[in-house]
Protein backbone atom coordinates (compact mmCIF):
# COMPACT_ATOMS: atom_id res chain seq x y z
CA MET A 1 10.85 16.42 -26.84
CA LEU A 2 9.47 17.04 -23.61
CA ALA A 3 12.56 19.16 -22.84
CA THR A 4 12.14 21.60 -25.95
CA GLN A 5 8.25 21.92 -24.81
CA LEU A 6 9.05 22.88 -21.63
CA SER A 7 11.41 25.44 -22.37
CA GLU A 8 9.18 26.76 -24.43
CA TYR A 9 6.33 26.77 -22.04
CA LEU A 10 8.54 27.99 -19.39
CA THR A 11 9.73 31.18 -21.72
CA GLU A 12 6.14 31.74 -22.87
CA MET A 13 5.23 32.23 -18.81
CA ASN A 14 8.05 34.17 -18.19
CA ILE A 15 9.48 31.62 -15.57
CA SER A 16 13.20 31.29 -15.45
CA ALA A 17 14.48 27.73 -14.48
CA THR A 18 18.40 26.37 -14.34
CA GLU A 19 19.34 23.89 -16.52
CA LEU A 20 18.78 21.17 -12.95
CA GLN A 21 15.67 22.65 -12.55
CA GLN A 22 14.09 21.77 -16.10
CA LYS A 23 16.01 18.20 -15.60
CA GLN A 24 13.78 17.77 -12.64
CA LEU A 25 10.88 18.86 -13.75
CA ILE A 26 11.02 16.33 -16.97
CA GLY A 27 12.15 13.49 -14.46
CA PHE A 28 8.98 14.33 -12.30
CA VAL A 29 7.00 13.62 -15.34
CA GLU A 30 8.62 10.38 -16.62
CA MET A 31 8.38 8.97 -12.96
CA LEU A 32 4.55 10.13 -12.91
CA ASN A 33 4.30 8.61 -16.28
CA LYS A 34 5.95 5.29 -15.53
CA TRP A 35 4.32 5.16 -12.00
CA ASN A 36 0.72 6.09 -13.73
CA LYS A 37 0.91 2.76 -15.42
CA ALA A 38 0.84 0.65 -12.53
CA TYR A 39 -0.79 2.99 -9.72
CA ASN A 40 -3.08 4.99 -11.41
CA LEU A 41 -1.96 8.34 -9.63
CA THR A 42 -3.50 10.70 -12.25
CA SER A 43 -6.51 10.45 -15.28
CA VAL A 44 -4.18 12.38 -17.48
CA ARG A 45 -2.48 9.79 -19.61
CA SER A 46 0.24 11.19 -22.05
CA PRO A 47 3.36 12.73 -20.89
CA GLU A 48 2.94 15.92 -22.98
CA GLN A 49 -0.39 16.46 -21.18
CA MET A 50 1.06 15.76 -17.93
CA LEU A 51 3.52 18.76 -18.83
CA ILE A 52 0.61 20.74 -19.39
CA ARG A 53 -1.88 19.83 -17.18
CA HIS A 54 0.10 18.92 -14.03
CA VAL A 55 3.56 20.84 -14.05
CA MET A 56 2.53 24.10 -15.70
CA ASP A 57 -0.89 24.58 -14.35
CA SER A 58 1.10 24.27 -10.86
CA LEU A 59 3.70 26.93 -11.84
CA ALA A 60 1.25 29.13 -13.02
CA VAL A 61 0.81 30.12 -9.10
CA SER A 62 5.00 30.36 -8.26
CA SER A 63 5.06 33.75 -8.21
CA TYR A 64 2.23 34.34 -5.80
CA LEU A 65 3.65 32.81 -2.91
CA ASP A 66 4.33 34.58 0.18
CA GLY A 67 6.71 33.38 2.56
CA GLN A 68 8.82 30.30 3.34
CA ARG A 69 6.55 27.09 4.49
CA PHE A 70 3.72 25.77 2.93
CA ILE A 71 1.46 22.63 3.16
CA ASP A 72 0.07 21.04 0.02
CA VAL A 73 -3.15 19.57 1.28
CA GLY A 74 -4.85 16.52 -1.07
CA THR A 75 -1.40 17.02 -3.07
CA GLY A 76 -2.20 13.02 -4.93
CA PRO A 77 0.80 12.55 -6.72
CA GLY A 78 2.40 15.85 -5.42
CA LEU A 79 0.24 18.15 -7.31
CA PRO A 80 1.13 21.62 -7.08
CA GLY A 81 3.92 20.74 -4.46
CA ILE A 82 6.39 19.09 -6.44
CA PRO A 83 6.62 21.33 -9.39
CA LEU A 84 6.47 24.49 -6.97
CA ALA A 85 9.03 22.84 -4.59
CA ILE A 86 11.64 22.35 -7.46
CA MET A 87 11.31 25.73 -8.71
CA ASN A 88 11.24 27.45 -4.99
CA PRO A 89 14.26 25.63 -3.72
CA ASP A 90 14.60 28.36 -0.79
CA LYS A 91 10.83 27.56 0.35
CA GLU A 92 9.80 24.12 2.32
CA PHE A 93 6.65 22.37 1.12
CA VAL A 94 4.63 19.52 3.46
CA LEU A 95 2.77 17.23 0.70
CA LEU A 96 -0.30 16.06 2.39
CA ASP A 97 -2.16 13.25 1.35
CA SER A 98 -3.96 9.80 2.99
CA LEU A 99 -3.32 7.19 0.23
CA GLY A 100 -0.37 5.32 0.94
CA LYS A 101 0.63 4.72 -2.94
CA ARG A 102 0.86 8.66 -3.95
CA ILE A 103 3.09 8.97 -0.68
CA ARG A 104 5.40 5.97 -2.07
CA PHE A 105 5.40 7.59 -5.37
CA GLN A 106 6.48 11.29 -3.74
CA LYS A 107 9.34 9.51 -1.81
CA GLN A 108 10.76 8.14 -4.74
CA VAL A 109 10.54 11.45 -6.77
CA GLN A 110 12.12 12.99 -3.93
CA PHE A 111 15.25 10.30 -3.62
CA GLU A 112 15.47 9.92 -7.51
CA LEU A 113 15.38 13.84 -8.18
CA LYS A 114 17.08 14.90 -4.99
CA ILE A 115 14.55 17.42 -4.19
CA ASN A 116 15.57 18.36 -0.47
CA ASN A 117 12.77 20.57 0.52
CA ILE A 118 9.75 18.64 0.34
CA THR A 119 8.58 16.33 3.52
CA SER A 120 5.64 13.79 2.62
CA ILE A 121 3.07 12.71 5.19
CA GLU A 122 0.55 10.05 4.82
CA SER A 123 -2.57 11.68 6.92
CA ARG A 124 -6.36 13.02 6.31
CA VAL A 125 -6.33 16.47 6.95
CA GLU A 126 -8.24 16.88 9.77
CA ALA A 127 -5.99 14.07 11.69
CA TYR A 128 -2.85 16.24 11.01
CA GLN A 129 -1.89 18.84 13.66
CA PRO A 130 1.29 20.24 13.16
CA GLU A 131 2.93 22.21 15.76
CA ASP A 132 4.72 24.51 13.32
CA LYS A 133 1.63 26.06 11.39
CA PHE A 134 2.39 27.29 7.57
CA ASP A 135 2.72 30.68 5.65
CA GLY A 136 0.44 28.88 3.17
CA VAL A 137 -2.28 26.23 2.75
CA LEU A 138 -2.43 25.23 -1.24
CA SER A 139 -4.97 23.15 -2.75
CA ARG A 140 -5.50 22.03 -6.10
CA ALA A 141 -7.70 19.06 -5.45
CA PHE A 142 -10.66 20.35 -3.15
CA ALA A 143 -14.37 19.77 -4.53
CA SER A 144 -15.33 23.36 -2.93
CA ILE A 145 -13.67 26.20 -1.51
CA SER A 146 -15.98 25.76 1.97
CA ASP A 147 -14.71 22.42 2.48
CA MET A 148 -10.82 23.46 1.67
CA LEU A 149 -11.44 26.07 4.44
CA ASN A 150 -13.45 24.28 7.34
CA TRP A 151 -10.74 21.28 6.98
CA CYS A 152 -7.67 23.11 6.74
CA HIS A 153 -8.71 26.04 9.09
CA HIS A 154 -6.34 24.82 11.70
CA LEU A 155 -3.17 24.76 9.31
CA PRO A 156 -1.88 28.34 8.67
CA LYS A 157 -0.12 30.50 10.90
CA ALA A 158 -2.12 33.65 12.38
CA ASP A 159 -0.88 35.73 9.27
CA GLY A 160 -1.05 32.96 6.68
CA GLN A 161 -2.82 32.60 3.50
CA PHE A 162 -5.09 30.08 1.71
CA TYR A 163 -4.27 29.39 -1.84
CA ALA A 164 -6.93 27.60 -3.79
CA LEU A 165 -6.20 26.40 -7.22
CA LYS A 166 -9.25 26.57 -9.14
CA GLY A 167 -11.13 25.99 -12.79
CA GLN A 168 -13.98 27.69 -13.31
CA LEU A 169 -15.50 29.91 -10.56
CA THR A 170 -19.07 29.82 -9.93
CA GLU A 171 -20.83 32.92 -7.81
CA GLN A 172 -22.68 30.43 -5.79
CA GLU A 173 -19.34 28.98 -4.92
CA LEU A 174 -17.69 32.52 -3.50
CA THR A 175 -21.10 33.49 -1.62
CA ALA A 176 -20.67 29.91 0.07
CA ILE A 177 -17.51 31.19 1.91
CA PRO A 178 -17.56 30.42 5.61
CA GLU A 179 -17.75 33.05 7.91
CA GLY A 180 -14.48 33.61 9.68
CA PHE A 181 -12.74 33.83 6.49
CA LYS A 182 -12.44 36.22 3.35
CA LEU A 183 -11.43 36.61 -0.03
CA VAL A 184 -8.07 38.98 -0.66
CA ASP A 185 -7.32 38.12 -4.05
CA THR A 186 -8.37 36.48 -7.15
CA HIS A 187 -5.75 35.94 -9.94
CA VAL A 188 -6.82 34.27 -13.33
CA LEU A 189 -4.00 32.27 -14.56
CA ARG A 190 -2.80 31.63 -17.90
CA VAL A 191 -1.34 28.32 -18.63
CA PRO A 192 0.26 27.38 -22.34
CA ARG A 193 -1.72 25.12 -24.69
CA LEU A 194 -4.65 24.76 -21.99
CA ASP A 195 -7.87 26.24 -23.02
CA GLU A 196 -9.61 26.10 -20.09
CA GLN A 197 -10.33 28.39 -17.14
CA ARG A 198 -7.88 28.46 -14.03
CA HIS A 199 -8.04 31.05 -11.02
CA LEU A 200 -6.07 31.30 -8.03
CA LEU A 201 -7.88 32.35 -4.94
CA LYS A 202 -6.22 33.98 -1.85
CA LEU A 203 -7.84 33.79 1.27
CA VAL A 204 -7.86 34.62 5.06
CA LYS A 205 -8.98 33.90 8.12
CA VAL A 206 -10.46 37.32 9.88
């Protein structure tokens, strides 16, 4: 059932996926559903909704990624990082979260589904000081864009970009972008069966 739905949604979003990638995406949903019962990793309870609200929602940004090396900040159970890593095996993803149970889940996913291009790190974002900076800093969970930029300013390369995945956009939030950063692109995202606004904002340091 999930496999049929996934195949339909991918077609609808014009994303091509190999058989292995589709199996990994379904495997991720199944593991999230199983672990969620014990560890409460997401408020979404049904696998069908996880597929839409977590997997497809994450994949909606896949075609906008520029570069090779990305960090997903406040990734939770691995969103959007794990679905993006599955669909972009040539890119590298660091998944950062401060909660041990989420990191344990990600490592189990990596092991069971054999996803070789993710690294999970347990840390608060302010405390994480990588030697290698990133082409892109992704975040789907931050309360506000200004918080994301203030806390993650040290993570991108000089020409790196910030990717903020947002629901509704308010004028107030857009006018509160801190000094030293500018908005370069806003994309409206379409997610199958999701009747809610979704946006991707690309920002850079100036």
